[in-house]
């Protein structure tokens, strides 16, 4: 199975994590600003995370500016927003041997490191 990372090239946190994990050309790399995540890939992550909401970044500036904070969003809403706009994805999304790691929390990065044997 291919190891893959979905990241934002302009995000210093993504760059730091990629460096920390030693992500190189053994990983398929997809800059979500150039090519957003596909619906099928997003579904894989949602299944592992337990929901689309778990993948959704409520810290995105557009979350507040679009008034989404005041709305009661469904799983379909979260999914569609992430497919329409990459800024709503928690990032990075990392797939290592079929296991998903989402976001940049210390716990997530440590779990990815452990999976890679670092």
C-alpha atoms as a PDB file:
ATOM      1  CA  UNK A   1       0.000   0.000   0.000  1.00  0.00           C
ATOM      2  CA  UNK A   2       1.203   3.472  -0.855  1.00  0.00           C
ATOM      3  CA  UNK A   3       2.099   5.852   1.937  1.00  0.00           C
ATOM      4  CA  UNK A   4       0.643   9.255   1.184  1.00  0.00           C
ATOM      5  CA  UNK A   5       0.464  12.717   2.705  1.00  0.00           C
ATOM      6  CA  UNK A   6      -2.052  15.427   1.938  1.00  0.00           C
ATOM      7  CA  UNK A   7      -0.554  18.737   2.984  1.00  0.00           C
ATOM      8  CA  UNK A   8      -0.478  22.443   2.249  1.00  0.00           C
ATOM      9  CA  UNK A   9       2.867  23.599   0.852  1.00  0.00           C
ATOM     10  CA  UNK A  10       2.384  27.100   2.286  1.00  0.00           C
ATOM     11  CA  UNK A  11       1.766  25.743   5.810  1.00  0.00           C
ATOM     12  CA  UNK A  12       4.823  25.902   8.068  1.00  0.00           C
ATOM     13  CA  UNK A  13       3.264  23.363  10.454  1.00  0.00           C
ATOM     14  CA  UNK A  14       2.856  20.841   7.599  1.00  0.00           C
ATOM     15  CA  UNK A  15       6.471  21.446   6.553  1.00  0.00           C
ATOM     16  CA  UNK A  16       7.712  20.937  10.124  1.00  0.00           C
ATOM     17  CA  UNK A  17       5.764  17.682  10.513  1.00  0.00           C
ATOM     18  CA  UNK A  18       6.970  16.374   7.136  1.00  0.00           C
ATOM     19  CA  UNK A  19      10.546  17.076   8.210  1.00  0.00           C
ATOM     20  CA  UNK A  20       9.974  15.485  11.627  1.00  0.00           C
ATOM     21  CA  UNK A  21       8.557  12.332  10.018  1.00  0.00           C
ATOM     22  CA  UNK A  22      11.274  12.208   7.358  1.00  0.00           C
ATOM     23  CA  UNK A  23       8.710  12.279   4.564  1.00  0.00           C
ATOM     24  CA  UNK A  24      10.511  11.912   1.265  1.00  0.00           C
ATOM     25  CA  UNK A  25       9.877  10.477  -2.194  1.00  0.00           C
ATOM     26  CA  UNK A  26       8.835   7.138  -0.641  1.00  0.00           C
ATOM     27  CA  UNK A  27       5.609   8.995   0.152  1.00  0.00           C
ATOM     28  CA  UNK A  28       3.132  10.094  -2.454  1.00  0.00           C
ATOM     29  CA  UNK A  29       2.669  13.807  -1.743  1.00  0.00           C
ATOM     30  CA  UNK A  30      -0.401  15.819  -2.633  1.00  0.00           C
ATOM     31  CA  UNK A  31      -0.543  19.567  -2.093  1.00  0.00           C
ATOM     32  CA  UNK A  32      -4.239  20.144  -1.374  1.00  0.00           C
ATOM     33  CA  UNK A  33      -4.034  23.737  -2.601  1.00  0.00           C
ATOM     34  CA  UNK A  34      -3.121  22.447  -6.083  1.00  0.00           C
ATOM     35  CA  UNK A  35      -5.239  19.285  -6.034  1.00  0.00           C
ATOM     36  CA  UNK A  36      -7.872  18.894  -3.324  1.00  0.00           C
ATOM     37  CA  UNK A  37      -8.508  15.500  -1.762  1.00  0.00           C
ATOM     38  CA  UNK A  38     -10.849  13.225  -3.706  1.00  0.00           C
ATOM     39  CA  UNK A  39     -14.209  12.141  -2.344  1.00  0.00           C
ATOM     40  CA  UNK A  40     -13.092   8.499  -2.171  1.00  0.00           C
ATOM     41  CA  UNK A  41      -9.890   9.369  -0.257  1.00  0.00           C
ATOM     42  CA  UNK A  42     -11.824  11.617   2.109  1.00  0.00           C
ATOM     43  CA  UNK A  43     -14.221   8.722   2.775  1.00  0.00           C
ATOM     44  CA  UNK A  44     -11.302   6.431   3.727  1.00  0.00           C
ATOM     45  CA  UNK A  45     -10.107   8.979   6.302  1.00  0.00           C
ATOM     46  CA  UNK A  46     -13.656   9.595   7.593  1.00  0.00           C
ATOM     47  CA  UNK A  47     -14.210   5.862   8.083  1.00  0.00           C
ATOM     48  CA  UNK A  48     -11.018   5.584  10.138  1.00  0.00           C
ATOM     49  CA  UNK A  49     -11.625   8.805  12.066  1.00  0.00           C
ATOM     50  CA  UNK A  50     -15.253   7.902  12.778  1.00  0.00           C
ATOM     51  CA  UNK A  51     -16.818  10.927  11.092  1.00  0.00           C
ATOM     52  CA  UNK A  52     -16.336  13.726   8.585  1.00  0.00           C
ATOM     53  CA  UNK A  53     -16.575  16.206  11.436  1.00  0.00           C
ATOM     54  CA  UNK A  54     -13.403  14.693  12.945  1.00  0.00           C
ATOM     55  CA  UNK A  55     -11.546  15.729   9.756  1.00  0.00           C
ATOM     56  CA  UNK A  56     -12.978  19.236   9.652  1.00  0.00           C
ATOM     57  CA  UNK A  57     -10.960  22.229  10.781  1.00  0.00           C
ATOM     58  CA  UNK A  58     -13.091  24.597  12.805  1.00  0.00           C
ATOM     59  CA  UNK A  59     -10.057  26.873  13.034  1.00  0.00           C
ATOM     60  CA  UNK A  60     -10.301  27.771   9.347  1.00  0.00           C
ATOM     61  CA  UNK A  61     -10.921  31.497   8.892  1.00  0.00           C
ATOM     62  CA  UNK A  62     -13.797  30.771   6.521  1.00  0.00           C
ATOM     63  CA  UNK A  63     -15.549  28.780   9.258  1.00  0.00           C
ATOM     64  CA  UNK A  64     -16.316  31.997  11.120  1.00  0.00           C
ATOM     65  CA  UNK A  65     -16.604  34.296   8.108  1.00  0.00           C
ATOM     66  CA  UNK A  66     -19.261  32.083   6.473  1.00  0.00           C
ATOM     67  CA  UNK A  67     -21.189  31.932   9.744  1.00  0.00           C
ATOM     68  CA  UNK A  68     -20.826  28.154   9.948  1.00  0.00           C
ATOM     69  CA  UNK A  69     -20.232  28.332  13.687  1.00  0.00           C
ATOM     70  CA  UNK A  70     -23.882  29.263  14.180  1.00  0.00           C
ATOM     71  CA  UNK A  71     -25.186  26.468  11.934  1.00  0.00           C
ATOM     72  CA  UNK A  72     -25.956  22.894  12.887  1.00  0.00           C
ATOM     73  CA  UNK A  73     -23.889  21.075  10.246  1.00  0.00           C
ATOM     74  CA  UNK A  74     -24.580  17.484   9.194  1.00  0.00           C
ATOM     75  CA  UNK A  75     -21.983  14.898   8.189  1.00  0.00           C
ATOM     76  CA  UNK A  76     -22.909  15.592   4.539  1.00  0.00           C
ATOM     77  CA  UNK A  77     -22.353  19.324   5.126  1.00  0.00           C
ATOM     78  CA  UNK A  78     -18.878  18.701   6.576  1.00  0.00           C
ATOM     79  CA  UNK A  79     -18.004  16.388   3.697  1.00  0.00           C
ATOM     80  CA  UNK A  80     -19.189  18.827   1.023  1.00  0.00           C
ATOM     81  CA  UNK A  81     -17.440  21.810   2.610  1.00  0.00           C
ATOM     82  CA  UNK A  82     -14.123  19.909   2.676  1.00  0.00           C
ATOM     83  CA  UNK A  83     -14.522  18.781  -0.924  1.00  0.00           C
ATOM     84  CA  UNK A  84     -15.361  22.343  -2.012  1.00  0.00           C
ATOM     85  CA  UNK A  85     -12.684  24.142  -0.013  1.00  0.00           C
ATOM     86  CA  UNK A  86      -9.310  22.706   1.067  1.00  0.00           C
ATOM     87  CA  UNK A  87      -9.006  25.167   3.969  1.00  0.00           C
ATOM     88  CA  UNK A  88     -11.592  23.127   5.895  1.00  0.00           C
ATOM     89  CA  UNK A  89      -9.351  20.051   6.038  1.00  0.00           C
ATOM     90  CA  UNK A  90      -7.453  19.454   9.267  1.00  0.00           C
ATOM     91  CA  UNK A  91      -3.947  18.977   8.060  1.00  0.00           C
ATOM     92  CA  UNK A  92      -1.869  17.185   7.286  1.00  0.00           C
ATOM     93  CA  UNK A  93      -3.663  13.940   6.416  1.00  0.00           C
ATOM     94  CA  UNK A  94      -1.153  11.095   6.439  1.00  0.00           C
ATOM     95  CA  UNK A  95      -1.755   7.512   5.316  1.00  0.00           C
ATOM     96  CA  UNK A  96       0.877   5.008   6.492  1.00  0.00           C
ATOM     97  CA  UNK A  97       0.356   1.336   5.616  1.00  0.00           C
ATOM     98  CA  UNK A  98      -3.392   1.890   5.473  1.00  0.00           C
ATOM     99  CA  UNK A  99      -3.580   3.699   8.821  1.00  0.00           C
ATOM    100  CA  UNK A 100      -4.793   7.308   8.871  1.00  0.00           C
ATOM    101  CA  UNK A 101      -3.276  10.126  10.904  1.00  0.00           C
ATOM    102  CA  UNK A 102      -5.141  13.433  10.770  1.00  0.00           C
ATOM    103  CA  UNK A 103      -4.111  16.836  12.017  1.00  0.00           C
ATOM    104  CA  UNK A 104      -1.078  18.286  13.723  1.00  0.00           C
ATOM    105  CA  UNK A 105      -1.587  17.529  17.399  1.00  0.00           C
ATOM    106  CA  UNK A 106       1.460  16.286  19.264  1.00  0.00           C
ATOM    107  CA  UNK A 107      -0.344  12.985  19.952  1.00  0.00           C
ATOM    108  CA  UNK A 108      -1.091  12.447  16.237  1.00  0.00           C
ATOM    109  CA  UNK A 109       2.481  13.247  15.170  1.00  0.00           C
ATOM    110  CA  UNK A 110       3.876  10.910  17.855  1.00  0.00           C
ATOM    111  CA  UNK A 111       1.543   8.109  16.697  1.00  0.00           C
ATOM    112  CA  UNK A 112       2.683   8.594  13.087  1.00  0.00           C
ATOM    113  CA  UNK A 113       6.327   8.541  14.224  1.00  0.00           C
ATOM    114  CA  UNK A 114       5.713   5.284  16.088  1.00  0.00           C
ATOM    115  CA  UNK A 115       4.057   3.752  13.011  1.00  0.00           C
ATOM    116  CA  UNK A 116       7.139   4.717  10.975  1.00  0.00           C
ATOM    117  CA  UNK A 117       9.440   3.300  13.657  1.00  0.00           C
ATOM    118  CA  UNK A 118      11.021   6.680  14.467  1.00  0.00           C
END
